[in-house]
PDB file of N, CA and C in Angstrom:
ATOM      1  N   UNK A   1       0.824  -1.200   0.000  1.00  0.00           N
ATOM      2  CA  UNK A   1       0.000   0.000   0.000  1.00  0.00           C
ATOM      3  C   UNK A   1       0.867   1.262   0.000  1.00  0.00           C
ATOM      4  N   UNK A   2       1.968   1.229   0.761  1.00  0.00           N
ATOM      5  CA  UNK A   2       2.854   2.382   0.839  1.00  0.00           C
ATOM      6  C   UNK A   2       3.482   2.673  -0.527  1.00  0.00           C
ATOM      7  N   UNK A   3       3.829   1.605  -1.299  1.00  0.00           N
ATOM      8  CA  UNK A   3       4.404   1.786  -2.630  1.00  0.00           C
ATOM      9  C   UNK A   3       3.409   2.452  -3.577  1.00  0.00           C
ATOM     10  N   UNK A   4       2.144   2.095  -3.446  1.00  0.00           N
ATOM     11  CA  UNK A   4       1.118   2.684  -4.303  1.00  0.00           C
ATOM     12  C   UNK A   4       0.974   4.172  -4.012  1.00  0.00           C
ATOM     13  N   UNK A   5       0.978   4.531  -2.744  1.00  0.00           N
ATOM     14  CA  UNK A   5       0.853   5.942  -2.359  1.00  0.00           C
ATOM     15  C   UNK A   5       2.079   6.722  -2.826  1.00  0.00           C
ATOM     16  N   UNK A   6       3.287   6.173  -2.597  1.00  0.00           N
ATOM     17  CA  UNK A   6       4.511   6.853  -3.048  1.00  0.00           C
ATOM     18  C   UNK A   6       4.528   7.001  -4.571  1.00  0.00           C
ATOM     19  N   UNK A   7       4.138   5.954  -5.287  1.00  0.00           N
ATOM     20  CA  UNK A   7       4.082   6.009  -6.740  1.00  0.00           C
ATOM     21  C   UNK A   7       3.085   7.046  -7.228  1.00  0.00           C
ATOM     22  N   UNK A   8       1.948   7.117  -6.551  1.00  0.00           N
ATOM     23  CA  UNK A   8       0.928   8.101  -6.915  1.00  0.00           C
ATOM     24  C   UNK A   8       1.431   9.523  -6.696  1.00  0.00           C
ATOM     25  N   UNK A   9       2.146   9.737  -5.599  1.00  0.00           N
ATOM     26  CA  UNK A   9       2.694  11.064  -5.323  1.00  0.00           C
ATOM     27  C   UNK A   9       3.729  11.464  -6.372  1.00  0.00           C
ATOM     28  N   UNK A  10       4.592  10.529  -6.733  1.00  0.00           N
ATOM     29  CA  UNK A  10       5.600  10.811  -7.747  1.00  0.00           C
ATOM     30  C   UNK A  10       4.925  11.142  -9.073  1.00  0.00           C
ATOM     31  N   UNK A  11       3.930  10.362  -9.449  1.00  0.00           N
ATOM     32  CA  UNK A  11       3.199  10.600 -10.693  1.00  0.00           C
ATOM     33  C   UNK A  11       2.510  11.964 -10.670  1.00  0.00           C
ATOM     34  N   UNK A  12       1.920  12.312  -9.548  1.00  0.00           N
ATOM     35  CA  UNK A  12       1.256  13.605  -9.411  1.00  0.00           C
ATOM     36  C   UNK A  12       2.252  14.752  -9.556  1.00  0.00           C
ATOM     37  N   UNK A  13       3.396  14.646  -8.890  1.00  0.00           N
ATOM     38  CA  UNK A  13       4.408  15.690  -8.968  1.00  0.00           C
ATOM     39  C   UNK A  13       4.970  15.821 -10.381  1.00  0.00           C
ATOM     40  N   UNK A  14       5.217  14.709 -11.046  1.00  0.00           N
ATOM     41  CA  UNK A  14       5.718  14.758 -12.415  1.00  0.00           C
ATOM     42  C   UNK A  14       4.710  15.395 -13.364  1.00  0.00           C
ATOM     43  N   UNK A  15       3.448  15.049 -13.217  1.00  0.00           N
ATOM     44  CA  UNK A  15       2.432  15.635 -14.096  1.00  0.00           C
ATOM     45  C   UNK A  15       2.291  17.135 -13.850  1.00  0.00           C
ATOM     46  N   UNK A  16       2.440  17.569 -12.604  1.00  0.00           N
ATOM     47  CA  UNK A  16       2.378  19.006 -12.310  1.00  0.00           C
ATOM     48  C   UNK A  16       3.574  19.725 -12.935  1.00  0.00           C
ATOM     49  N   UNK A  17       4.732  19.099 -12.864  1.00  0.00           N
ATOM     50  CA  UNK A  17       5.937  19.693 -13.431  1.00  0.00           C
ATOM     51  C   UNK A  17       5.817  19.823 -14.940  1.00  0.00           C
ATOM     52  N   UNK A  18       5.360  18.796 -15.612  1.00  0.00           N
ATOM     53  CA  UNK A  18       5.188  18.825 -17.061  1.00  0.00           C
ATOM     54  C   UNK A  18       4.143  19.862 -17.458  1.00  0.00           C
ATOM     55  N   UNK A  19       3.078  19.974 -16.703  1.00  0.00           N
ATOM     56  CA  UNK A  19       2.018  20.934 -17.021  1.00  0.00           C
ATOM     57  C   UNK A  19       2.509  22.369 -16.919  1.00  0.00           C
ATOM     58  N   UNK A  20       3.474  22.631 -16.067  1.00  0.00           N
ATOM     59  CA  UNK A  20       3.941  23.992 -15.841  1.00  0.00           C
ATOM     60  C   UNK A  20       5.068  24.422 -16.772  1.00  0.00           C
ATOM     61  N   UNK A  21       5.715  23.502 -17.467  1.00  0.00           N
ATOM     62  CA  UNK A  21       6.899  23.875 -18.233  1.00  0.00           C
ATOM     63  C   UNK A  21       6.610  24.765 -19.430  1.00  0.00           C
ATOM     64  N   UNK A  22       5.468  24.652 -20.057  1.00  0.00           N
ATOM     65  CA  UNK A  22       5.164  25.468 -21.230  1.00  0.00           C
ATOM     66  C   UNK A  22       4.335  26.701 -20.910  1.00  0.00           C
ATOM     67  N   UNK A  23       4.093  26.942 -19.665  1.00  0.00           N
ATOM     68  CA  UNK A  23       3.272  28.090 -19.296  1.00  0.00           C
ATOM     69  C   UNK A  23       4.045  29.383 -19.432  1.00  0.00           C
ATOM     70  N   UNK A  24       3.366  30.397 -19.894  1.00  0.00           N
ATOM     71  CA  UNK A  24       3.955  31.718 -19.957  1.00  0.00           C
ATOM     72  C   UNK A  24       3.889  32.364 -18.581  1.00  0.00           C
ATOM     73  N   UNK A  25       4.893  33.189 -18.271  1.00  0.00           N
ATOM     74  CA  UNK A  25       4.873  33.865 -16.980  1.00  0.00           C
ATOM     75  C   UNK A  25       3.970  35.099 -17.044  1.00  0.00           C
ATOM     76  N   UNK A  26       3.863  35.808 -15.926  1.00  0.00           N
ATOM     77  CA  UNK A  26       2.971  36.964 -15.841  1.00  0.00           C
ATOM     78  C   UNK A  26       3.289  38.027 -16.889  1.00  0.00           C
ATOM     79  N   UNK A  27       4.568  38.267 -17.140  1.00  0.00           N
ATOM     80  CA  UNK A  27       4.934  39.281 -18.126  1.00  0.00           C
ATOM     81  C   UNK A  27       4.393  38.912 -19.500  1.00  0.00           C
ATOM     82  N   UNK A  28       4.500  37.653 -19.857  1.00  0.00           N
ATOM     83  CA  UNK A  28       4.050  37.207 -21.176  1.00  0.00           C
ATOM     84  C   UNK A  28       2.538  37.312 -21.310  1.00  0.00           C
ATOM     85  N   UNK A  29       1.816  36.994 -20.262  1.00  0.00           N
ATOM     86  CA  UNK A  29       0.357  37.045 -20.329  1.00  0.00           C
ATOM     87  C   UNK A  29      -0.169  38.469 -20.259  1.00  0.00           C
ATOM     88  N   UNK A  30       0.393  39.269 -19.379  1.00  0.00           N
ATOM     89  CA  UNK A  30      -0.122  40.616 -19.128  1.00  0.00           C
ATOM     90  C   UNK A  30       0.458  41.648 -20.099  1.00  0.00           C
ATOM     91  N   UNK A  31       1.707  41.464 -20.502  1.00  0.00           N
ATOM     92  CA  UNK A  31       2.395  42.440 -21.351  1.00  0.00           C
ATOM     93  C   UNK A  31       3.009  41.747 -22.570  1.00  0.00           C
ATOM     94  N   UNK A  32       2.193  41.299 -23.511  1.00  0.00           N
ATOM     95  CA  UNK A  32       2.754  40.606 -24.676  1.00  0.00           C
ATOM     96  C   UNK A  32       3.683  41.491 -25.510  1.00  0.00           C
ATOM     97  N   UNK A  33       3.595  42.802 -25.341  1.00  0.00           N
ATOM     98  CA  UNK A  33       4.483  43.717 -26.058  1.00  0.00           C
ATOM     99  C   UNK A  33       5.940  43.577 -25.620  1.00  0.00           C
ATOM    100  N   UNK A  34       6.188  42.926 -24.487  1.00  0.00           N
ATOM    101  CA  UNK A  34       7.553  42.717 -24.023  1.00  0.00           C
ATOM    102  C   UNK A  34       8.220  41.519 -24.695  1.00  0.00           C
ATOM    103  N   UNK A  35       7.445  40.715 -25.379  1.00  0.00           N
ATOM    104  CA  UNK A  35       7.963  39.486 -25.962  1.00  0.00           C
ATOM    105  C   UNK A  35       8.649  39.760 -27.300  1.00  0.00           C
ATOM    106  N   UNK A  36       9.488  38.829 -27.749  1.00  0.00           N
ATOM    107  CA  UNK A  36      10.195  39.038 -29.014  1.00  0.00           C
ATOM    108  C   UNK A  36       9.245  39.091 -30.200  1.00  0.00           C
ATOM    109  N   UNK A  37       9.681  39.797 -31.234  1.00  0.00           N
ATOM    110  CA  UNK A  37       8.888  39.832 -32.457  1.00  0.00           C
ATOM    111  C   UNK A  37       9.060  38.505 -33.190  1.00  0.00           C
ATOM    112  N   UNK A  38       8.159  38.240 -34.092  1.00  0.00           N
ATOM    113  CA  UNK A  38       8.162  36.968 -34.800  1.00  0.00           C
ATOM    114  C   UNK A  38       9.505  36.722 -35.491  1.00  0.00           C
ATOM    115  N   UNK A  39      10.009  35.522 -35.348  1.00  0.00           N
ATOM    116  CA  UNK A  39      11.268  35.162 -35.974  1.00  0.00           C
ATOM    117  C   UNK A  39      12.491  35.426 -35.110  1.00  0.00           C
ATOM    118  N   UNK A  40      12.309  36.042 -33.964  1.00  0.00           N
ATOM    119  CA  UNK A  40      13.422  36.293 -33.054  1.00  0.00           C
ATOM    120  C   UNK A  40      13.197  35.537 -31.750  1.00  0.00           C
ATOM    121  N   UNK A  41      14.273  35.223 -31.073  1.00  0.00           N
ATOM    122  CA  UNK A  41      14.169  34.454 -29.836  1.00  0.00           C
ATOM    123  C   UNK A  41      14.038  35.329 -28.600  1.00  0.00           C
ATOM    124  N   UNK A  42      14.539  36.565 -28.663  1.00  0.00           N
ATOM    125  CA  UNK A  42      14.581  37.403 -27.466  1.00  0.00           C
ATOM    126  C   UNK A  42      14.191  38.844 -27.773  1.00  0.00           C
ATOM    127  N   UNK A  43      13.674  39.501 -26.739  1.00  0.00           N
ATOM    128  CA  UNK A  43      13.497  40.945 -26.772  1.00  0.00           C
ATOM    129  C   UNK A  43      14.293  41.501 -25.599  1.00  0.00           C
ATOM    130  N   UNK A  44      14.641  42.765 -25.689  1.00  0.00           N
ATOM    131  CA  UNK A  44      15.517  43.367 -24.688  1.00  0.00           C
ATOM    132  C   UNK A  44      14.971  44.711 -24.241  1.00  0.00           C
ATOM    133  N   UNK A  45      14.884  44.890 -22.936  1.00  0.00           N
ATOM    134  CA  UNK A  45      14.590  46.180 -22.328  1.00  0.00           C
ATOM    135  C   UNK A  45      15.890  46.645 -21.692  1.00  0.00           C
ATOM    136  N   UNK A  46      16.395  47.775 -22.129  1.00  0.00           N
ATOM    137  CA  UNK A  46      17.631  48.326 -21.581  1.00  0.00           C
ATOM    138  C   UNK A  46      17.310  49.624 -20.854  1.00  0.00           C
ATOM    139  N   UNK A  47      17.902  49.791 -19.690  1.00  0.00           N
ATOM    140  CA  UNK A  47      17.654  50.984 -18.879  1.00  0.00           C
ATOM    141  C   UNK A  47      18.990  51.626 -18.525  1.00  0.00           C
ATOM    142  N   UNK A  48      19.121  52.916 -18.852  1.00  0.00           N
ATOM    143  CA  UNK A  48      20.308  53.652 -18.441  1.00  0.00           C
ATOM    144  C   UNK A  48      21.517  53.461 -19.331  1.00  0.00           C
ATOM    145  N   UNK A  49      21.438  52.626 -20.340  1.00  0.00           N
ATOM    146  CA  UNK A  49      22.498  52.450 -21.338  1.00  0.00           C
ATOM    147  C   UNK A  49      21.809  52.104 -22.641  1.00  0.00           C
ATOM    148  N   UNK A  50      22.036  52.910 -23.657  1.00  0.00           N
ATOM    149  CA  UNK A  50      21.354  52.678 -24.928  1.00  0.00           C
ATOM    150  C   UNK A  50      21.975  51.495 -25.652  1.00  0.00           C
ATOM    151  N   UNK A  51      21.120  50.564 -26.041  1.00  0.00           N
ATOM    152  CA  UNK A  51      21.529  49.382 -26.789  1.00  0.00           C
ATOM    153  C   UNK A  51      20.914  49.484 -28.180  1.00  0.00           C
ATOM    154  N   UNK A  52      21.720  49.249 -29.197  1.00  0.00           N
ATOM    155  CA  UNK A  52      21.241  49.288 -30.583  1.00  0.00           C
ATOM    156  C   UNK A  52      21.486  47.926 -31.243  1.00  0.00           C
ATOM    157  N   UNK A  53      20.828  47.711 -32.375  1.00  0.00           N
ATOM    158  CA  UNK A  53      21.059  46.480 -33.135  1.00  0.00           C
ATOM    159  C   UNK A  53      22.517  46.413 -33.582  1.00  0.00           C
ATOM    160  N   UNK A  54      23.085  47.548 -33.989  1.00  0.00           N
ATOM    161  CA  UNK A  54      24.488  47.572 -34.413  1.00  0.00           C
ATOM    162  C   UNK A  54      25.420  47.167 -33.282  1.00  0.00           C
ATOM    163  N   UNK A  55      25.145  47.655 -32.087  1.00  0.00           N
ATOM    164  CA  UNK A  55      25.962  47.308 -30.925  1.00  0.00           C
ATOM    165  C   UNK A  55      25.906  45.805 -30.648  1.00  0.00           C
ATOM    166  N   UNK A  56      24.708  45.218 -30.741  1.00  0.00           N
ATOM    167  CA  UNK A  56      24.581  43.774 -30.533  1.00  0.00           C
ATOM    168  C   UNK A  56      25.265  42.996 -31.658  1.00  0.00           C
ATOM    169  N   UNK A  57      25.138  43.462 -32.889  1.00  0.00           N
ATOM    170  CA  UNK A  57      25.768  42.767 -34.013  1.00  0.00           C
ATOM    171  C   UNK A  57      27.285  42.754 -33.901  1.00  0.00           C
ATOM    172  N   UNK A  58      27.864  43.791 -33.282  1.00  0.00           N
ATOM    173  CA  UNK A  58      29.312  43.807 -33.041  1.00  0.00           C
ATOM    174  C   UNK A  58      29.736  42.639 -32.155  1.00  0.00           C
ATOM    175  N   UNK A  59      28.809  42.155 -31.342  1.00  0.00           N
ATOM    176  CA  UNK A  59      29.073  40.997 -30.475  1.00  0.00           C
ATOM    177  C   UNK A  59      28.481  39.719 -31.060  1.00  0.00           C
ATOM    178  N   UNK A  60      28.170  39.746 -32.364  1.00  0.00           N
ATOM    179  CA  UNK A  60      27.597  38.590 -33.070  1.00  0.00           C
ATOM    180  C   UNK A  60      26.266  38.134 -32.494  1.00  0.00           C
ATOM    181  N   UNK A  61      25.451  39.089 -32.071  1.00  0.00           N
ATOM    182  CA  UNK A  61      24.117  38.790 -31.545  1.00  0.00           C
ATOM    183  C   UNK A  61      23.100  39.301 -32.563  1.00  0.00           C
ATOM    184  N   UNK A  62      22.308  38.378 -33.113  1.00  0.00           N
ATOM    185  CA  UNK A  62      21.320  38.746 -34.122  1.00  0.00           C
ATOM    186  C   UNK A  62      19.938  38.185 -33.802  1.00  0.00           C
ATOM    187  N   UNK A  63      19.780  37.622 -32.622  1.00  0.00           N
ATOM    188  CA  UNK A  63      18.520  36.955 -32.259  1.00  0.00           C
ATOM    189  C   UNK A  63      17.639  37.806 -31.348  1.00  0.00           C
ATOM    190  N   UNK A  64      17.785  39.129 -31.391  1.00  0.00           N
ATOM    191  CA  UNK A  64      17.039  40.022 -30.504  1.00  0.00           C
ATOM    192  C   UNK A  64      16.230  41.032 -31.317  1.00  0.00           C
ATOM    193  N   UNK A  65      14.950  41.117 -31.025  1.00  0.00           N
ATOM    194  CA  UNK A  65      14.082  42.157 -31.574  1.00  0.00           C
ATOM    195  C   UNK A  65      12.731  42.039 -30.885  1.00  0.00           C
ATOM    196  N   UNK A  66      12.224  43.082 -30.349  1.00  0.00           N
ATOM    197  CA  UNK A  66      12.688  44.463 -30.378  1.00  0.00           C
ATOM    198  C   UNK A  66      13.674  44.761 -29.250  1.00  0.00           C
ATOM    199  N   UNK A  67      14.292  45.942 -29.376  1.00  0.00           N
ATOM    200  CA  UNK A  67      15.099  46.513 -28.307  1.00  0.00           C
ATOM    201  C   UNK A  67      14.385  47.778 -27.866  1.00  0.00           C
ATOM    202  N   UNK A  68      14.146  47.909 -26.586  1.00  0.00           N
ATOM    203  CA  UNK A  68      13.526  49.113 -26.044  1.00  0.00           C
ATOM    204  C   UNK A  68      14.495  49.737 -25.053  1.00  0.00           C
ATOM    205  N   UNK A  69      14.801  51.002 -25.261  1.00  0.00           N
ATOM    206  CA  UNK A  69      15.699  51.722 -24.360  1.00  0.00           C
ATOM    207  C   UNK A  69      14.885  52.682 -23.500  1.00  0.00           C
ATOM    208  N   UNK A  70      15.158  52.654 -22.224  1.00  0.00           N
ATOM    209  CA  UNK A  70      14.472  53.512 -21.253  1.00  0.00           C
ATOM    210  C   UNK A  70      15.545  54.295 -20.505  1.00  0.00           C
ATOM    211  N   UNK A  71      15.303  55.566 -20.256  1.00  0.00           N
ATOM    212  CA  UNK A  71      16.300  56.407 -19.601  1.00  0.00           C
ATOM    213  C   UNK A  71      16.404  56.130 -18.106  1.00  0.00           C
ATOM    214  N   UNK A  72      15.288  55.783 -17.471  1.00  0.00           N
ATOM    215  CA  UNK A  72      15.266  55.660 -16.014  1.00  0.00           C
ATOM    216  C   UNK A  72      14.606  54.359 -15.572  1.00  0.00           C
ATOM    217  N   UNK A  73      15.231  53.701 -14.627  1.00  0.00           N
ATOM    218  CA  UNK A  73      14.631  52.472 -14.086  1.00  0.00           C
ATOM    219  C   UNK A  73      13.332  52.777 -13.355  1.00  0.00           C
ATOM    220  N   UNK A  74      13.209  53.994 -12.815  1.00  0.00           N
ATOM    221  CA  UNK A  74      11.979  54.350 -12.096  1.00  0.00           C
ATOM    222  C   UNK A  74      10.779  54.389 -13.046  1.00  0.00           C
ATOM    223  N   UNK A  75      10.979  54.919 -14.247  1.00  0.00           N
ATOM    224  CA  UNK A  75       9.861  54.962 -15.192  1.00  0.00           C
ATOM    225  C   UNK A  75       9.482  53.558 -15.662  1.00  0.00           C
ATOM    226  N   UNK A  76      10.457  52.684 -15.834  1.00  0.00           N
ATOM    227  CA  UNK A  76      10.142  51.310 -16.222  1.00  0.00           C
ATOM    228  C   UNK A  76       9.431  50.590 -15.081  1.00  0.00           C
ATOM    229  N   UNK A  77       9.835  50.859 -13.847  1.00  0.00           N
ATOM    230  CA  UNK A  77       9.145  50.278 -12.685  1.00  0.00           C
ATOM    231  C   UNK A  77       7.696  50.729 -12.605  1.00  0.00           C
ATOM    232  N   UNK A  78       7.412  51.970 -13.035  1.00  0.00           N
ATOM    233  CA  UNK A  78       6.031  52.450 -13.045  1.00  0.00           C
ATOM    234  C   UNK A  78       5.174  51.639 -14.008  1.00  0.00           C
ATOM    235  N   UNK A  79       5.735  51.313 -15.176  1.00  0.00           N
ATOM    236  CA  UNK A  79       5.001  50.522 -16.173  1.00  0.00           C
ATOM    237  C   UNK A  79       4.940  49.043 -15.797  1.00  0.00           C
ATOM    238  N   UNK A  80       6.028  48.541 -15.245  1.00  0.00           N
ATOM    239  CA  UNK A  80       6.155  47.113 -14.936  1.00  0.00           C
ATOM    240  C   UNK A  80       6.702  46.936 -13.517  1.00  0.00           C
ATOM    241  N   UNK A  81       5.876  47.189 -12.501  1.00  0.00           N
ATOM    242  CA  UNK A  81       6.367  47.153 -11.124  1.00  0.00           C
ATOM    243  C   UNK A  81       6.941  45.796 -10.712  1.00  0.00           C
ATOM    244  N   UNK A  82       6.479  44.731 -11.348  1.00  0.00           N
ATOM    245  CA  UNK A  82       6.971  43.406 -10.977  1.00  0.00           C
ATOM    246  C   UNK A  82       8.463  43.223 -11.300  1.00  0.00           C
ATOM    247  N   UNK A  83       9.014  44.053 -12.179  1.00  0.00           N
ATOM    248  CA  UNK A  83      10.441  43.959 -12.473  1.00  0.00           C
ATOM    249  C   UNK A  83      11.295  44.297 -11.256  1.00  0.00           C
ATOM    250  N   UNK A  84      10.796  45.186 -10.414  1.00  0.00           N
ATOM    251  CA  UNK A  84      11.485  45.570  -9.180  1.00  0.00           C
ATOM    252  C   UNK A  84      12.944  45.962  -9.434  1.00  0.00           C
ATOM    253  N   UNK A  85      13.138  46.844 -10.404  1.00  0.00           N
ATOM    254  CA  UNK A  85      14.489  47.303 -10.707  1.00  0.00           C
ATOM    255  C   UNK A  85      14.991  48.208  -9.591  1.00  0.00           C
ATOM    256  N   UNK A  86      16.274  48.072  -9.274  1.00  0.00           N
ATOM    257  CA  UNK A  86      16.862  48.809  -8.153  1.00  0.00           C
ATOM    258  C   UNK A  86      17.837  49.894  -8.587  1.00  0.00           C
ATOM    259  N   UNK A  87      18.387  49.759  -9.812  1.00  0.00           N
ATOM    260  CA  UNK A  87      19.391  50.720 -10.268  1.00  0.00           C
ATOM    261  C   UNK A  87      19.522  50.623 -11.776  1.00  0.00           C
ATOM    262  N   UNK A  88      20.382  51.451 -12.307  1.00  0.00           N
ATOM    263  CA  UNK A  88      20.690  51.390 -13.719  1.00  0.00           C
ATOM    264  C   UNK A  88      22.196  51.438 -13.899  1.00  0.00           C
ATOM    265  N   UNK A  89      22.726  50.918 -14.958  1.00  0.00           N
ATOM    266  CA  UNK A  89      21.998  50.292 -16.045  1.00  0.00           C
ATOM    267  C   UNK A  89      21.389  48.953 -15.624  1.00  0.00           C
ATOM    268  N   UNK A  90      20.332  48.599 -16.326  1.00  0.00           N
ATOM    269  CA  UNK A  90      19.662  47.313 -16.122  1.00  0.00           C
ATOM    270  C   UNK A  90      19.296  46.764 -17.491  1.00  0.00           C
ATOM    271  N   UNK A  91      19.331  45.447 -17.596  1.00  0.00           N
ATOM    272  CA  UNK A  91      19.047  44.778 -18.860  1.00  0.00           C
ATOM    273  C   UNK A  91      18.092  43.626 -18.580  1.00  0.00           C
ATOM    274  N   UNK A  92      16.950  43.640 -19.257  1.00  0.00           N
ATOM    275  CA  UNK A  92      15.919  42.626 -19.033  1.00  0.00           C
ATOM    276  C   UNK A  92      15.655  41.944 -20.369  1.00  0.00           C
ATOM    277  N   UNK A  93      15.791  40.621 -20.381  1.00  0.00           N
ATOM    278  CA  UNK A  93      15.643  39.838 -21.605  1.00  0.00           C
ATOM    279  C   UNK A  93      14.423  38.935 -21.458  1.00  0.00           C
ATOM    280  N   UNK A  94      13.614  38.893 -22.524  1.00  0.00           N
ATOM    281  CA  UNK A  94      12.417  38.052 -22.563  1.00  0.00           C
ATOM    282  C   UNK A  94      12.505  37.099 -23.736  1.00  0.00           C
ATOM    283  N   UNK A  95      11.955  35.898 -23.556  1.00  0.00           N
ATOM    284  CA  UNK A  95      11.720  35.010 -24.690  1.00  0.00           C
ATOM    285  C   UNK A  95      10.212  34.904 -24.867  1.00  0.00           C
ATOM    286  N   UNK A  96       9.740  33.984 -25.695  1.00  0.00           N
ATOM    287  CA  UNK A  96       8.305  33.899 -25.982  1.00  0.00           C
ATOM    288  C   UNK A  96       7.472  33.507 -24.771  1.00  0.00           C
ATOM    289  N   UNK A  97       8.105  32.984 -23.717  1.00  0.00           N
ATOM    290  CA  UNK A  97       7.373  32.596 -22.509  1.00  0.00           C
ATOM    291  C   UNK A  97       7.495  33.600 -21.377  1.00  0.00           C
ATOM    292  N   UNK A  98       8.318  34.619 -21.546  1.00  0.00           N
ATOM    293  CA  UNK A  98       8.444  35.639 -20.512  1.00  0.00           C
ATOM    294  C   UNK A  98       9.886  35.949 -20.151  1.00  0.00           C
ATOM    295  N   UNK A  99      10.078  36.397 -18.933  1.00  0.00           N
ATOM    296  CA  UNK A  99      11.371  36.854 -18.436  1.00  0.00           C
ATOM    297  C   UNK A  99      12.379  35.710 -18.356  1.00  0.00           C
ATOM    298  N   UNK A 100      13.569  35.914 -18.958  1.00  0.00           N
ATOM    299  CA  UNK A 100      14.626  34.902 -18.877  1.00  0.00           C
ATOM    300  C   UNK A 100      15.900  35.442 -18.235  1.00  0.00           C
ATOM    301  N   UNK A 101      16.079  36.765 -18.206  1.00  0.00           N
ATOM    302  CA  UNK A 101      17.274  37.332 -17.573  1.00  0.00           C
ATOM    303  C   UNK A 101      16.988  38.755 -17.131  1.00  0.00           C
ATOM    304  N   UNK A 102      17.379  39.051 -15.904  1.00  0.00           N
ATOM    305  CA  UNK A 102      17.379  40.429 -15.399  1.00  0.00           C
ATOM    306  C   UNK A 102      18.739  40.625 -14.753  1.00  0.00           C
ATOM    307  N   UNK A 103      19.499  41.577 -15.282  1.00  0.00           N
ATOM    308  CA  UNK A 103      20.844  41.808 -14.771  1.00  0.00           C
ATOM    309  C   UNK A 103      21.172  43.297 -14.814  1.00  0.00           C
ATOM    310  N   UNK A 104      22.114  43.669 -13.994  1.00  0.00           N
ATOM    311  CA  UNK A 104      22.620  45.041 -13.986  1.00  0.00           C
ATOM    312  C   UNK A 104      24.013  45.097 -14.626  1.00  0.00           C
ATOM    313  N   UNK A 105      24.446  43.976 -15.152  1.00  0.00           N
ATOM    314  CA  UNK A 105      25.781  43.827 -15.714  1.00  0.00           C
ATOM    315  C   UNK A 105      25.695  43.667 -17.232  1.00  0.00           C
ATOM    316  N   UNK A 106      26.231  44.631 -17.966  1.00  0.00           N
ATOM    317  CA  UNK A 106      26.196  44.621 -19.426  1.00  0.00           C
ATOM    318  C   UNK A 106      26.848  43.352 -19.991  1.00  0.00           C
ATOM    319  N   UNK A 107      28.007  43.005 -19.480  1.00  0.00           N
ATOM    320  CA  UNK A 107      28.725  41.830 -19.980  1.00  0.00           C
ATOM    321  C   UNK A 107      27.943  40.538 -19.738  1.00  0.00           C
ATOM    322  N   UNK A 108      27.233  40.449 -18.630  1.00  0.00           N
ATOM    323  CA  UNK A 108      26.413  39.267 -18.368  1.00  0.00           C
ATOM    324  C   UNK A 108      25.295  39.146 -19.399  1.00  0.00           C
ATOM    325  N   UNK A 109      24.678  40.272 -19.748  1.00  0.00           N
ATOM    326  CA  UNK A 109      23.627  40.269 -20.764  1.00  0.00           C
ATOM    327  C   UNK A 109      24.193  39.847 -22.112  1.00  0.00           C
ATOM    328  N   UNK A 110      25.333  40.409 -22.502  1.00  0.00           N
ATOM    329  CA  UNK A 110      25.973  40.056 -23.773  1.00  0.00           C
ATOM    330  C   UNK A 110      26.331  38.573 -23.779  1.00  0.00           C
ATOM    331  N   UNK A 111      26.924  38.086 -22.703  1.00  0.00           N
ATOM    332  CA  UNK A 111      27.312  36.682 -22.608  1.00  0.00           C
ATOM    333  C   UNK A 111      26.098  35.767 -22.726  1.00  0.00           C
ATOM    334  N   UNK A 112      25.024  36.120 -22.055  1.00  0.00           N
ATOM    335  CA  UNK A 112      23.800  35.320 -22.121  1.00  0.00           C
ATOM    336  C   UNK A 112      23.303  35.217 -23.563  1.00  0.00           C
ATOM    337  N   UNK A 113      23.199  36.359 -24.239  1.00  0.00           N
ATOM    338  CA  UNK A 113      22.661  36.360 -25.600  1.00  0.00           C
ATOM    339  C   UNK A 113      23.600  35.670 -26.601  1.00  0.00           C
ATOM    340  N   UNK A 114      24.904  35.769 -26.376  1.00  0.00           N
ATOM    341  CA  UNK A 114      25.861  35.102 -27.259  1.00  0.00           C
ATOM    342  C   UNK A 114      25.801  33.581 -27.110  1.00  0.00           C
ATOM    343  N   UNK A 115      25.446  33.115 -25.953  1.00  0.00           N
ATOM    344  CA  UNK A 115      25.479  31.678 -25.684  1.00  0.00           C
ATOM    345  C   UNK A 115      24.145  30.976 -25.889  1.00  0.00           C
ATOM    346  N   UNK A 116      23.188  31.667 -26.473  1.00  0.00           N
ATOM    347  CA  UNK A 116      21.916  31.038 -26.774  1.00  0.00           C
ATOM    348  C   UNK A 116      21.968  30.501 -28.195  1.00  0.00           C
ATOM    349  N   UNK A 117      21.393  29.352 -28.393  1.00  0.00           N
ATOM    350  CA  UNK A 117      21.381  28.740 -29.724  1.00  0.00           C
ATOM    351  C   UNK A 117      20.600  29.609 -30.690  1.00  0.00           C
ATOM    352  N   UNK A 118      21.132  29.800 -31.844  1.00  0.00           N
ATOM    353  CA  UNK A 118      20.464  30.572 -32.893  1.00  0.00           C
ATOM    354  C   UNK A 118      19.325  29.768 -33.469  1.00  0.00           C
TER     355      UNK A 118
END
């Protein structure tokens, strides 16, 4: 009887895990404008440092669109309080399911985008 209960619990946990893997996060559901445009894997919100397509291409990054530049983290927090940005510069990357990276380090953002499969 104990094996049946343990097996049932494992099966329940696995099914819950599988059900949650393809779900979009709150950003994706509430703010679809933050998601990448068709044909691209990522979108980028940059705060306090202007990021351009040319700048990303210099680092061999071509899988990002759109790029949105914001002057102040406070104004971005007003639009998207769940981001809870604390300072600038800040870099927020989204894929089709939502938030995948939030960092205050430019090199970390570049490294992340360079190491994603095209």
